[in-house]
PDB file of N, CA and C in Angstrom:
ATOM      1  N   MET A   1      -0.419  57.343-165.780  1.00  0.00           N
ATOM      2  CA  MET A   1       0.358  57.820-166.896  1.00  0.00           C
ATOM      3  C   MET A   1       0.972  56.639-167.643  1.00  0.00           C
ATOM      4  N   ASP A   2       0.716  56.574-168.938  1.00  0.00           N
ATOM      5  CA  ASP A   2       1.337  55.537-169.759  1.00  0.00           C
ATOM      6  C   ASP A   2       2.803  55.868-169.940  1.00  0.00           C
ATOM      7  N   ARG A   3       3.639  54.867-169.784  1.00  0.00           N
ATOM      8  CA  ARG A   3       5.074  55.058-169.910  1.00  0.00           C
ATOM      9  C   ARG A   3       5.474  54.973-171.372  1.00  0.00           C
ATOM     10  N   ILE A   4       6.124  55.998-171.831  1.00  0.00           N
ATOM     11  CA  ILE A   4       6.658  56.009-173.192  1.00  0.00           C
ATOM     12  C   ILE A   4       8.032  55.361-173.135  1.00  0.00           C
ATOM     13  N   TYR A   5       8.311  54.511-174.109  1.00  0.00           N
ATOM     14  CA  TYR A   5       9.598  53.826-174.112  1.00  0.00           C
ATOM     15  C   TYR A   5      10.092  53.630-175.546  1.00  0.00           C
ATOM     16  N   VAL A   6      11.385  53.370-175.656  1.00  0.00           N
ATOM     17  CA  VAL A   6      12.005  52.991-176.918  1.00  0.00           C
ATOM     18  C   VAL A   6      12.912  51.799-176.631  1.00  0.00           C
ATOM     19  N   GLU A   7      13.107  50.990-177.647  1.00  0.00           N
ATOM     20  CA  GLU A   7      13.976  49.825-177.511  1.00  0.00           C
ATOM     21  C   GLU A   7      15.138  49.940-178.478  1.00  0.00           C
ATOM     22  N   GLY A   8      16.196  49.235-178.148  1.00  0.00           N
ATOM     23  CA  GLY A   8      17.355  49.243-179.025  1.00  0.00           C
ATOM     24  C   GLY A   8      18.336  48.154-178.639  1.00  0.00           C
ATOM     25  N   GLU A   9      19.524  48.239-179.239  1.00  0.00           N
ATOM     26  CA  GLU A   9      20.557  47.250-178.984  1.00  0.00           C
ATOM     27  C   GLU A   9      21.898  47.953-178.828  1.00  0.00           C
ATOM     28  N   LEU A  10      22.526  47.712-177.702  1.00  0.00           N
ATOM     29  CA  LEU A  10      23.820  48.321-177.425  1.00  0.00           C
ATOM     30  C   LEU A  10      24.872  47.854-178.423  1.00  0.00           C
ATOM     31  N   PRO A  11      25.837  48.701-178.751  1.00  0.00           N
ATOM     32  CA  PRO A  11      26.913  48.262-179.633  1.00  0.00           C
ATOM     33  C   PRO A  11      27.802  47.204-178.975  1.00  0.00           C
ATOM     34  N   VAL A  12      27.985  47.309-177.652  1.00  0.00           N
ATOM     35  CA  VAL A  12      28.830  46.363-176.910  1.00  0.00           C
ATOM     36  C   VAL A  12      27.999  45.793-175.765  1.00  0.00           C
ATOM     37  N   ALA A  13      27.909  44.474-175.686  1.00  0.00           N
ATOM     38  CA  ALA A  13      27.096  43.820-174.651  1.00  0.00           C
ATOM     39  C   ALA A  13      27.586  44.168-173.253  1.00  0.00           C
ATOM     40  N   LEU A  14      26.623  44.292-172.331  1.00  0.00           N
ATOM     41  CA  LEU A  14      26.951  44.444-170.914  1.00  0.00           C
ATOM     42  C   LEU A  14      26.860  43.071-170.272  1.00  0.00           C
ATOM     43  N   LYS A  15      27.795  42.798-169.369  1.00  0.00           N
ATOM     44  CA  LYS A  15      27.797  41.498-168.690  1.00  0.00           C
ATOM     45  C   LYS A  15      27.006  41.610-167.402  1.00  0.00           C
ATOM     46  N   LEU A  16      26.187  40.587-167.183  1.00  0.00           N
ATOM     47  CA  LEU A  16      25.298  40.538-166.036  1.00  0.00           C
ATOM     48  C   LEU A  16      25.349  39.136-165.452  1.00  0.00           C
ATOM     49  N   ILE A  17      25.448  39.036-164.141  1.00  0.00           N
ATOM     50  CA  ILE A  17      25.426  37.742-163.451  1.00  0.00           C
ATOM     51  C   ILE A  17      24.024  37.518-162.903  1.00  0.00           C
ATOM     52  N   VAL A  18      23.388  36.432-163.335  1.00  0.00           N
ATOM     53  CA  VAL A  18      22.078  36.044-162.822  1.00  0.00           C
ATOM     54  C   VAL A  18      22.260  34.668-162.199  1.00  0.00           C
ATOM     55  N   GLY A  19      22.084  34.600-160.870  1.00  0.00           N
ATOM     56  CA  GLY A  19      22.392  33.358-160.175  1.00  0.00           C
ATOM     57  C   GLY A  19      23.891  33.144-160.253  1.00  0.00           C
ATOM     58  N   GLN A  20      24.289  32.065-160.903  1.00  0.00           N
ATOM     59  CA  GLN A  20      25.713  31.810-161.090  1.00  0.00           C
ATOM     60  C   GLN A  20      26.089  31.812-162.564  1.00  0.00           C
ATOM     61  N   THR A  21      25.200  32.352-163.382  1.00  0.00           N
ATOM     62  CA  THR A  21      25.422  32.362-164.824  1.00  0.00           C
ATOM     63  C   THR A  21      25.685  33.776-165.308  1.00  0.00           C
ATOM     64  N   GLU A  22      26.727  33.929-166.115  1.00  0.00           N
ATOM     65  CA  GLU A  22      27.026  35.228-166.698  1.00  0.00           C
ATOM     66  C   GLU A  22      26.325  35.343-168.046  1.00  0.00           C
ATOM     67  N   HIS A  23      25.686  36.489-168.258  1.00  0.00           N
ATOM     68  CA  HIS A  23      25.005  36.761-169.514  1.00  0.00           C
ATOM     69  C   HIS A  23      25.613  38.012-170.136  1.00  0.00           C
ATOM     70  N   ALA A  24      25.752  38.015-171.445  1.00  0.00           N
ATOM     71  CA  ALA A  24      26.163  39.207-172.190  1.00  0.00           C
ATOM     72  C   ALA A  24      24.918  39.682-172.929  1.00  0.00           C
ATOM     73  N   ILE A  25      24.430  40.872-172.560  1.00  0.00           N
ATOM     74  CA  ILE A  25      23.142  41.351-173.068  1.00  0.00           C
ATOM     75  C   ILE A  25      23.327  42.672-173.804  1.00  0.00           C
ATOM     76  N   LYS A  26      22.716  42.761-174.976  1.00  0.00           N
ATOM     77  CA  LYS A  26      22.749  43.992-175.764  1.00  0.00           C
ATOM     78  C   LYS A  26      21.391  44.684-175.843  1.00  0.00           C
ATOM     79  N   LYS A  27      20.309  43.917-175.732  1.00  0.00           N
ATOM     80  CA  LYS A  27      18.973  44.488-175.911  1.00  0.00           C
ATOM     81  C   LYS A  27      18.621  45.374-174.716  1.00  0.00           C
ATOM     82  N   VAL A  28      18.112  46.571-175.004  1.00  0.00           N
ATOM     83  CA  VAL A  28      17.742  47.517-173.952  1.00  0.00           C
ATOM     84  C   VAL A  28      16.371  48.119-174.216  1.00  0.00           C
ATOM     85  N   MET A  29      15.766  48.595-173.133  1.00  0.00           N
ATOM     86  CA  MET A  29      14.532  49.367-173.219  1.00  0.00           C
ATOM     87  C   MET A  29      14.730  50.592-172.328  1.00  0.00           C
ATOM     88  N   MET A  30      14.451  51.760-172.887  1.00  0.00           N
ATOM     89  CA  MET A  30      14.581  53.006-172.144  1.00  0.00           C
ATOM     90  C   MET A  30      13.196  53.612-171.960  1.00  0.00           C
ATOM     91  N   ARG A  31      12.876  53.948-170.714  1.00  0.00           N
ATOM     92  CA  ARG A  31      11.589  54.552-170.378  1.00  0.00           C
ATOM     93  C   ARG A  31      11.806  55.968-169.876  1.00  0.00           C
ATOM     94  N   GLN A  32      10.830  56.820-170.159  1.00  0.00           N
ATOM     95  CA  GLN A  32      10.854  58.170-169.615  1.00  0.00           C
ATOM     96  C   GLN A  32      10.560  58.087-168.122  1.00  0.00           C
ATOM     97  N   MET A  33      11.358  58.745-167.309  1.00  0.00           N
ATOM     98  CA  MET A  33      11.150  58.738-165.866  1.00  0.00           C
ATOM     99  C   MET A  33      10.156  59.826-165.476  1.00  0.00           C
ATOM    100  N   THR A  34       9.477  59.598-164.369  1.00  0.00           N
ATOM    101  CA  THR A  34       8.654  60.651-163.800  1.00  0.00           C
ATOM    102  C   THR A  34       9.595  61.657-163.122  1.00  0.00           C
ATOM    103  N   ALA A  35       9.065  62.817-162.772  1.00  0.00           N
ATOM    104  CA  ALA A  35       9.878  63.830-162.089  1.00  0.00           C
ATOM    105  C   ALA A  35      10.407  63.290-160.759  1.00  0.00           C
ATOM    106  N   ILE A  36       9.568  62.554-160.039  1.00  0.00           N
ATOM    107  CA  ILE A  36       9.992  62.001-158.748  1.00  0.00           C
ATOM    108  C   ILE A  36      11.104  60.969-158.951  1.00  0.00           C
ATOM    109  N   GLU A  37      10.945  60.079-159.911  1.00  0.00           N
ATOM    110  CA  GLU A  37      11.996  59.088-160.185  1.00  0.00           C
ATOM    111  C   GLU A  37      13.311  59.758-160.554  1.00  0.00           C
ATOM    112  N   TYR A  38      13.210  60.831-161.341  1.00  0.00           N
ATOM    113  CA  TYR A  38      14.410  61.547-161.756  1.00  0.00           C
ATOM    114  C   TYR A  38      15.141  62.136-160.548  1.00  0.00           C
ATOM    115  N   VAL A  39      14.406  62.814-159.674  1.00  0.00           N
ATOM    116  CA  VAL A  39      15.020  63.431-158.501  1.00  0.00           C
ATOM    117  C   VAL A  39      15.560  62.358-157.557  1.00  0.00           C
ATOM    118  N   GLN A  40      14.839  61.261-157.395  1.00  0.00           N
ATOM    119  CA  GLN A  40      15.312  60.172-156.534  1.00  0.00           C
ATOM    120  C   GLN A  40      16.610  59.576-157.066  1.00  0.00           C
ATOM    121  N   SER A  41      16.707  59.411-158.376  1.00  0.00           N
ATOM    122  CA  SER A  41      17.932  58.841-158.944  1.00  0.00           C
ATOM    123  C   SER A  41      19.107  59.795-158.748  1.00  0.00           C
ATOM    124  N   GLN A  42      18.846  61.097-158.838  1.00  0.00           N
ATOM    125  CA  GLN A  42      19.899  62.094-158.611  1.00  0.00           C
ATOM    126  C   GLN A  42      20.335  62.086-157.138  1.00  0.00           C
ATOM    127  N   ALA A  43      19.362  61.974-156.238  1.00  0.00           N
ATOM    128  CA  ALA A  43      19.661  61.995-154.807  1.00  0.00           C
ATOM    129  C   ALA A  43      20.465  60.775-154.370  1.00  0.00           C
ATOM    130  N   ALA A  44      20.324  59.673-155.087  1.00  0.00           N
ATOM    131  CA  ALA A  44      21.010  58.436-154.717  1.00  0.00           C
ATOM    132  C   ALA A  44      22.452  58.372-155.234  1.00  0.00           C
ATOM    133  N   LEU A  45      22.867  59.361-155.984  1.00  0.00           N
ATOM    134  CA  LEU A  45      24.220  59.347-156.541  1.00  0.00           C
ATOM    135  C   LEU A  45      25.278  59.467-155.451  1.00  0.00           C
ATOM    136  N   GLU A  46      26.332  58.719-155.631  1.00  0.00           N
ATOM    137  CA  GLU A  46      27.496  58.817-154.751  1.00  0.00           C
ATOM    138  C   GLU A  46      28.321  60.028-155.182  1.00  0.00           C
ATOM    139  N   PRO A  47      29.143  60.566-154.284  1.00  0.00           N
ATOM    140  CA  PRO A  47      30.039  61.653-154.691  1.00  0.00           C
ATOM    141  C   PRO A  47      30.932  61.202-155.853  1.00  0.00           C
ATOM    142  N   ASP A  48      31.273  62.127-156.702  1.00  0.00           N
ATOM    143  CA  ASP A  48      32.146  61.907-157.862  1.00  0.00           C
ATOM    144  C   ASP A  48      31.509  61.062-158.964  1.00  0.00           C
ATOM    145  N   CYS A  49      30.196  60.907-158.941  1.00  0.00           N
ATOM    146  CA  CYS A  49      29.498  60.231-160.028  1.00  0.00           C
ATOM    147  C   CYS A  49      29.079  61.276-161.065  1.00  0.00           C
ATOM    148  N   TYR A  50      29.030  60.861-162.304  1.00  0.00           N
ATOM    149  CA  TYR A  50      28.660  61.751-163.391  1.00  0.00           C
ATOM    150  C   TYR A  50      27.178  61.602-163.720  1.00  0.00           C
ATOM    151  N   ILE A  51      26.481  62.739-163.738  1.00  0.00           N
ATOM    152  CA  ILE A  51      25.046  62.742-163.982  1.00  0.00           C
ATOM    153  C   ILE A  51      24.720  62.169-165.361  1.00  0.00           C
ATOM    154  N   GLY A  52      25.551  62.470-166.351  1.00  0.00           N
ATOM    155  CA  GLY A  52      25.301  61.988-167.711  1.00  0.00           C
ATOM    156  C   GLY A  52      25.252  60.472-167.803  1.00  0.00           C
ATOM    157  N   ILE A  53      26.043  59.803-167.004  1.00  0.00           N
ATOM    158  CA  ILE A  53      26.021  58.335-166.974  1.00  0.00           C
ATOM    159  C   ILE A  53      24.849  57.856-166.128  1.00  0.00           C
ATOM    160  N   ALA A  54      24.673  58.467-164.973  1.00  0.00           N
ATOM    161  CA  ALA A  54      23.624  58.045-164.038  1.00  0.00           C
ATOM    162  C   ALA A  54      22.232  58.185-164.637  1.00  0.00           C
ATOM    163  N   ASP A  55      21.994  59.282-165.363  1.00  0.00           N
ATOM    164  CA  ASP A  55      20.663  59.509-165.942  1.00  0.00           C
ATOM    165  C   ASP A  55      20.263  58.404-166.906  1.00  0.00           C
ATOM    166  N   VAL A  56      21.124  58.104-167.868  1.00  0.00           N
ATOM    167  CA  VAL A  56      20.735  57.093-168.862  1.00  0.00           C
ATOM    168  C   VAL A  56      20.716  55.692-168.253  1.00  0.00           C
ATOM    169  N   ALA A  57      21.571  55.436-167.263  1.00  0.00           N
ATOM    170  CA  ALA A  57      21.535  54.131-166.590  1.00  0.00           C
ATOM    171  C   ALA A  57      20.208  53.953-165.851  1.00  0.00           C
ATOM    172  N   ALA A  58      19.734  55.015-165.187  1.00  0.00           N
ATOM    173  CA  ALA A  58      18.480  54.927-164.430  1.00  0.00           C
ATOM    174  C   ALA A  58      17.272  54.753-165.342  1.00  0.00           C
ATOM    175  N   MET A  59      17.353  55.263-166.547  1.00  0.00           N
ATOM    176  CA  MET A  59      16.229  55.197-167.485  1.00  0.00           C
ATOM    177  C   MET A  59      16.170  53.880-168.259  1.00  0.00           C
ATOM    178  N   THR A  60      17.242  53.111-168.228  1.00  0.00           N
ATOM    179  CA  THR A  60      17.408  51.987-169.145  1.00  0.00           C
ATOM    180  C   THR A  60      17.450  50.657-168.411  1.00  0.00           C
ATOM    181  N   LYS A  61      16.845  49.658-169.003  1.00  0.00           N
ATOM    182  CA  LYS A  61      16.887  48.291-168.491  1.00  0.00           C
ATOM    183  C   LYS A  61      17.474  47.378-169.570  1.00  0.00           C
ATOM    184  N   LEU A  62      18.221  46.389-169.123  1.00  0.00           N
ATOM    185  CA  LEU A  62      18.657  45.323-170.029  1.00  0.00           C
ATOM    186  C   LEU A  62      17.515  44.335-170.173  1.00  0.00           C
ATOM    187  N   ILE A  63      17.344  43.791-171.358  1.00  0.00           N
ATOM    188  CA  ILE A  63      16.297  42.804-171.613  1.00  0.00           C
ATOM    189  C   ILE A  63      16.976  41.508-172.045  1.00  0.00           C
ATOM    190  N   ASP A  64      16.811  40.454-171.247  1.00  0.00           N
ATOM    191  CA  ASP A  64      17.471  39.190-171.589  1.00  0.00           C
ATOM    192  C   ASP A  64      16.659  38.395-172.609  1.00  0.00           C
ATOM    193  N   GLU A  65      17.168  37.233-172.963  1.00  0.00           N
ATOM    194  CA  GLU A  65      16.534  36.407-174.001  1.00  0.00           C
ATOM    195  C   GLU A  65      15.142  35.914-173.612  1.00  0.00           C
ATOM    196  N   ASP A  66      14.823  35.933-172.318  1.00  0.00           N
ATOM    197  CA  ASP A  66      13.491  35.549-171.848  1.00  0.00           C
ATOM    198  C   ASP A  66      12.597  36.768-171.601  1.00  0.00           C
ATOM    199  N   ASN A  67      13.024  37.938-172.079  1.00  0.00           N
ATOM    200  CA  ASN A  67      12.314  39.209-171.916  1.00  0.00           C
ATOM    201  C   ASN A  67      12.198  39.671-170.460  1.00  0.00           C
ATOM    202  N   HIS A  68      13.115  39.234-169.599  1.00  0.00           N
ATOM    203  CA  HIS A  68      13.173  39.730-168.234  1.00  0.00           C
ATOM    204  C   HIS A  68      13.994  41.011-168.222  1.00  0.00           C
ATOM    205  N   GLU A  69      13.547  41.987-167.429  1.00  0.00           N
ATOM    206  CA  GLU A  69      14.254  43.251-167.313  1.00  0.00           C
ATOM    207  C   GLU A  69      15.275  43.187-166.177  1.00  0.00           C
ATOM    208  N   HIS A  70      16.417  43.821-166.411  1.00  0.00           N
ATOM    209  CA  HIS A  70      17.484  43.896-165.411  1.00  0.00           C
ATOM    210  C   HIS A  70      18.004  45.323-165.376  1.00  0.00           C
ATOM    211  N   ILE A  71      18.297  45.821-164.182  1.00  0.00           N
ATOM    212  CA  ILE A  71      18.799  47.185-164.077  1.00  0.00           C
ATOM    213  C   ILE A  71      20.208  47.288-164.664  1.00  0.00           C
ATOM    214  N   ILE A  72      20.517  48.471-165.124  1.00  0.00           N
ATOM    215  CA  ILE A  72      21.886  48.794-165.515  1.00  0.00           C
ATOM    216  C   ILE A  72      22.427  49.685-164.407  1.00  0.00           C
ATOM    217  N   THR A  73      23.453  49.238-163.740  1.00  0.00           N
ATOM    218  CA  THR A  73      24.020  50.048-162.668  1.00  0.00           C
ATOM    219  C   THR A  73      24.940  51.114-163.253  1.00  0.00           C
ATOM    220  N   TYR A  74      25.203  52.106-162.448  1.00  0.00           N
ATOM    221  CA  TYR A  74      26.127  53.166-162.837  1.00  0.00           C
ATOM    222  C   TYR A  74      27.475  52.554-163.216  1.00  0.00           C
ATOM    223  N   ASP A  75      27.972  51.636-162.382  1.00  0.00           N
ATOM    224  CA  ASP A  75      29.277  51.023-162.644  1.00  0.00           C
ATOM    225  C   ASP A  75      29.275  50.173-163.914  1.00  0.00           C
ATOM    226  N   MET A  76      28.183  49.454-164.161  1.00  0.00           N
ATOM    227  CA  MET A  76      28.110  48.641-165.389  1.00  0.00           C
ATOM    228  C   MET A  76      28.277  49.525-166.615  1.00  0.00           C
ATOM    229  N   LEU A  77      27.506  50.611-166.664  1.00  0.00           N
ATOM    230  CA  LEU A  77      27.566  51.489-167.823  1.00  0.00           C
ATOM    231  C   LEU A  77      28.859  52.296-167.831  1.00  0.00           C
ATOM    232  N   GLY A  78      29.243  52.814-166.684  1.00  0.00           N
ATOM    233  CA  GLY A  78      30.442  53.640-166.608  1.00  0.00           C
ATOM    234  C   GLY A  78      31.712  52.908-166.975  1.00  0.00           C
ATOM    235  N   ASN A  79      31.751  51.619-166.732  1.00  0.00           N
ATOM    236  CA  ASN A  79      32.950  50.829-167.044  1.00  0.00           C
ATOM    237  C   ASN A  79      32.841  50.071-168.360  1.00  0.00           C
ATOM    238  N   SER A  80      31.790  50.358-169.117  1.00  0.00           N
ATOM    239  CA  SER A  80      31.647  49.717-170.431  1.00  0.00           C
ATOM    240  C   SER A  80      32.201  50.645-171.508  1.00  0.00           C
ATOM    241  N   SER A  81      32.046  50.256-172.722  1.00  0.00           N
ATOM    242  CA  SER A  81      32.532  51.033-173.858  1.00  0.00           C
ATOM    243  C   SER A  81      31.841  52.397-173.943  1.00  0.00           C
ATOM    244  N   ARG A  82      32.591  53.400-174.344  1.00  0.00           N
ATOM    245  CA  ARG A  82      31.995  54.724-174.555  1.00  0.00           C
ATOM    246  C   ARG A  82      30.933  54.671-175.643  1.00  0.00           C
ATOM    247  N   SER A  83      31.048  53.725-176.552  1.00  0.00           N
ATOM    248  CA  SER A  83      30.038  53.548-177.602  1.00  0.00           C
ATOM    249  C   SER A  83      28.665  53.298-177.003  1.00  0.00           C
ATOM    250  N   ASN A  84      28.616  52.592-175.885  1.00  0.00           N
ATOM    251  CA  ASN A  84      27.336  52.341-175.223  1.00  0.00           C
ATOM    252  C   ASN A  84      26.726  53.634-174.703  1.00  0.00           C
ATOM    253  N   LEU A  85      27.535  54.474-174.084  1.00  0.00           N
ATOM    254  CA  LEU A  85      27.036  55.747-173.570  1.00  0.00           C
ATOM    255  C   LEU A  85      26.556  56.631-174.722  1.00  0.00           C
ATOM    256  N   ASP A  86      27.327  56.691-175.791  1.00  0.00           N
ATOM    257  CA  ASP A  86      26.921  57.480-176.960  1.00  0.00           C
ATOM    258  C   ASP A  86      25.594  56.966-177.522  1.00  0.00           C
ATOM    259  N   TYR A  87      25.480  55.647-177.628  1.00  0.00           N
ATOM    260  CA  TYR A  87      24.254  55.048-178.160  1.00  0.00           C
ATOM    261  C   TYR A  87      23.053  55.372-177.265  1.00  0.00           C
ATOM    262  N   LEU A  88      23.224  55.248-175.952  1.00  0.00           N
ATOM    263  CA  LEU A  88      22.110  55.507-175.038  1.00  0.00           C
ATOM    264  C   LEU A  88      21.707  56.979-175.043  1.00  0.00           C
ATOM    265  N   ASN A  89      22.642  57.873-175.242  1.00  0.00           N
ATOM    266  CA  ASN A  89      22.286  59.290-175.360  1.00  0.00           C
ATOM    267  C   ASN A  89      21.467  59.543-176.624  1.00  0.00           C
ATOM    268  N   LYS A  90      21.800  58.856-177.713  1.00  0.00           N
ATOM    269  CA  LYS A  90      21.000  58.969-178.939  1.00  0.00           C
ATOM    270  C   LYS A  90      19.610  58.377-178.719  1.00  0.00           C
ATOM    271  N   LEU A  91      19.548  57.265-178.001  1.00  0.00           N
ATOM    272  CA  LEU A  91      18.264  56.639-177.696  1.00  0.00           C
ATOM    273  C   LEU A  91      17.415  57.565-176.814  1.00  0.00           C
ATOM    274  N   LYS A  92      18.059  58.267-175.896  1.00  0.00           N
ATOM    275  CA  LYS A  92      17.356  59.231-175.040  1.00  0.00           C
ATOM    276  C   LYS A  92      16.755  60.353-175.895  1.00  0.00           C
ATOM    277  N   ASN A  93      17.491  60.819-176.888  1.00  0.00           N
ATOM    278  CA  ASN A  93      16.958  61.843-177.801  1.00  0.00           C
ATOM    279  C   ASN A  93      15.729  61.327-178.546  1.00  0.00           C
ATOM    280  N   GLN A  94      15.778  60.065-178.980  1.00  0.00           N
ATOM    281  CA  GLN A  94      14.623  59.453-179.657  1.00  0.00           C
ATOM    282  C   GLN A  94      13.428  59.377-178.702  1.00  0.00           C
ATOM    283  N   LEU A  95      13.696  59.015-177.458  1.00  0.00           N
ATOM    284  CA  LEU A  95      12.637  58.910-176.458  1.00  0.00           C
ATOM    285  C   LEU A  95      11.987  60.269-176.218  1.00  0.00           C
ATOM    286  N   GLU A  96      12.801  61.302-176.095  1.00  0.00           N
ATOM    287  CA  GLU A  96      12.259  62.644-175.875  1.00  0.00           C
ATOM    288  C   GLU A  96      11.444  63.110-177.075  1.00  0.00           C
ATOM    289  N   ALA A  97      11.906  62.804-178.291  1.00  0.00           N
ATOM    290  CA  ALA A  97      11.151  63.166-179.500  1.00  0.00           C
ATOM    291  C   ALA A  97       9.822  62.418-179.544  1.00  0.00           C
ATOM    292  N   LYS A  98       9.831  61.148-179.154  1.00  0.00           N
ATOM    293  CA  LYS A  98       8.615  60.355-179.135  1.00  0.00           C
ATOM    294  C   LYS A  98       7.638  60.907-178.104  1.00  0.00           C
ATOM    295  N   GLU A  99       8.134  61.312-176.963  1.00  0.00           N
ATOM    296  CA  GLU A  99       7.275  61.881-175.920  1.00  0.00           C
ATOM    297  C   GLU A  99       6.622  63.174-176.414  1.00  0.00           C
ATOM    298  N   LYS A 100       7.386  64.019-177.072  1.00  0.00           N
ATOM    299  CA  LYS A 100       6.814  65.266-177.611  1.00  0.00           C
ATOM    300  C   LYS A 100       5.761  64.976-178.670  1.00  0.00           C
ATOM    301  N   ALA A 101       6.036  64.003-179.531  1.00  0.00           N
ATOM    302  CA  ALA A 101       5.098  63.665-180.607  1.00  0.00           C
ATOM    303  C   ALA A 101       3.798  63.092-180.064  1.00  0.00           C
ATOM    304  N   GLU A 102       3.869  62.379-178.948  1.00  0.00           N
ATOM    305  CA  GLU A 102       2.680  61.714-178.397  1.00  0.00           C
ATOM    306  C   GLU A 102       1.940  62.582-177.380  1.00  0.00           C
ATOM    307  N   SER A 103       2.449  63.770-177.075  1.00  0.00           N
ATOM    308  CA  SER A 103       1.772  64.640-176.102  1.00  0.00           C
ATOM    309  C   SER A 103       0.747  65.498-176.770  1.00  0.00           C
TER     310      SER A 103
END
């Protein structure tokens, strides 16, 4: 199955530590998850976690200046600006529309 994805840029950079260097990254790529990936991400949730945050975090990767992908953790997204969550939900809508158009 070819993975459908969309790219974008967060309104507020997420901070990521790679080695001993801190990076502030805005570029993201969101991929549609398979049914198994979706259920696995739900099963891995800790108590008191919000599905709305966990879903978009699991679907999205940060892309650094060298085009390396990095995971977005629940805590990274949950403790960032609400603008980021709003933006990723809009990006998810674009991804779903793209998936429907390409099916």
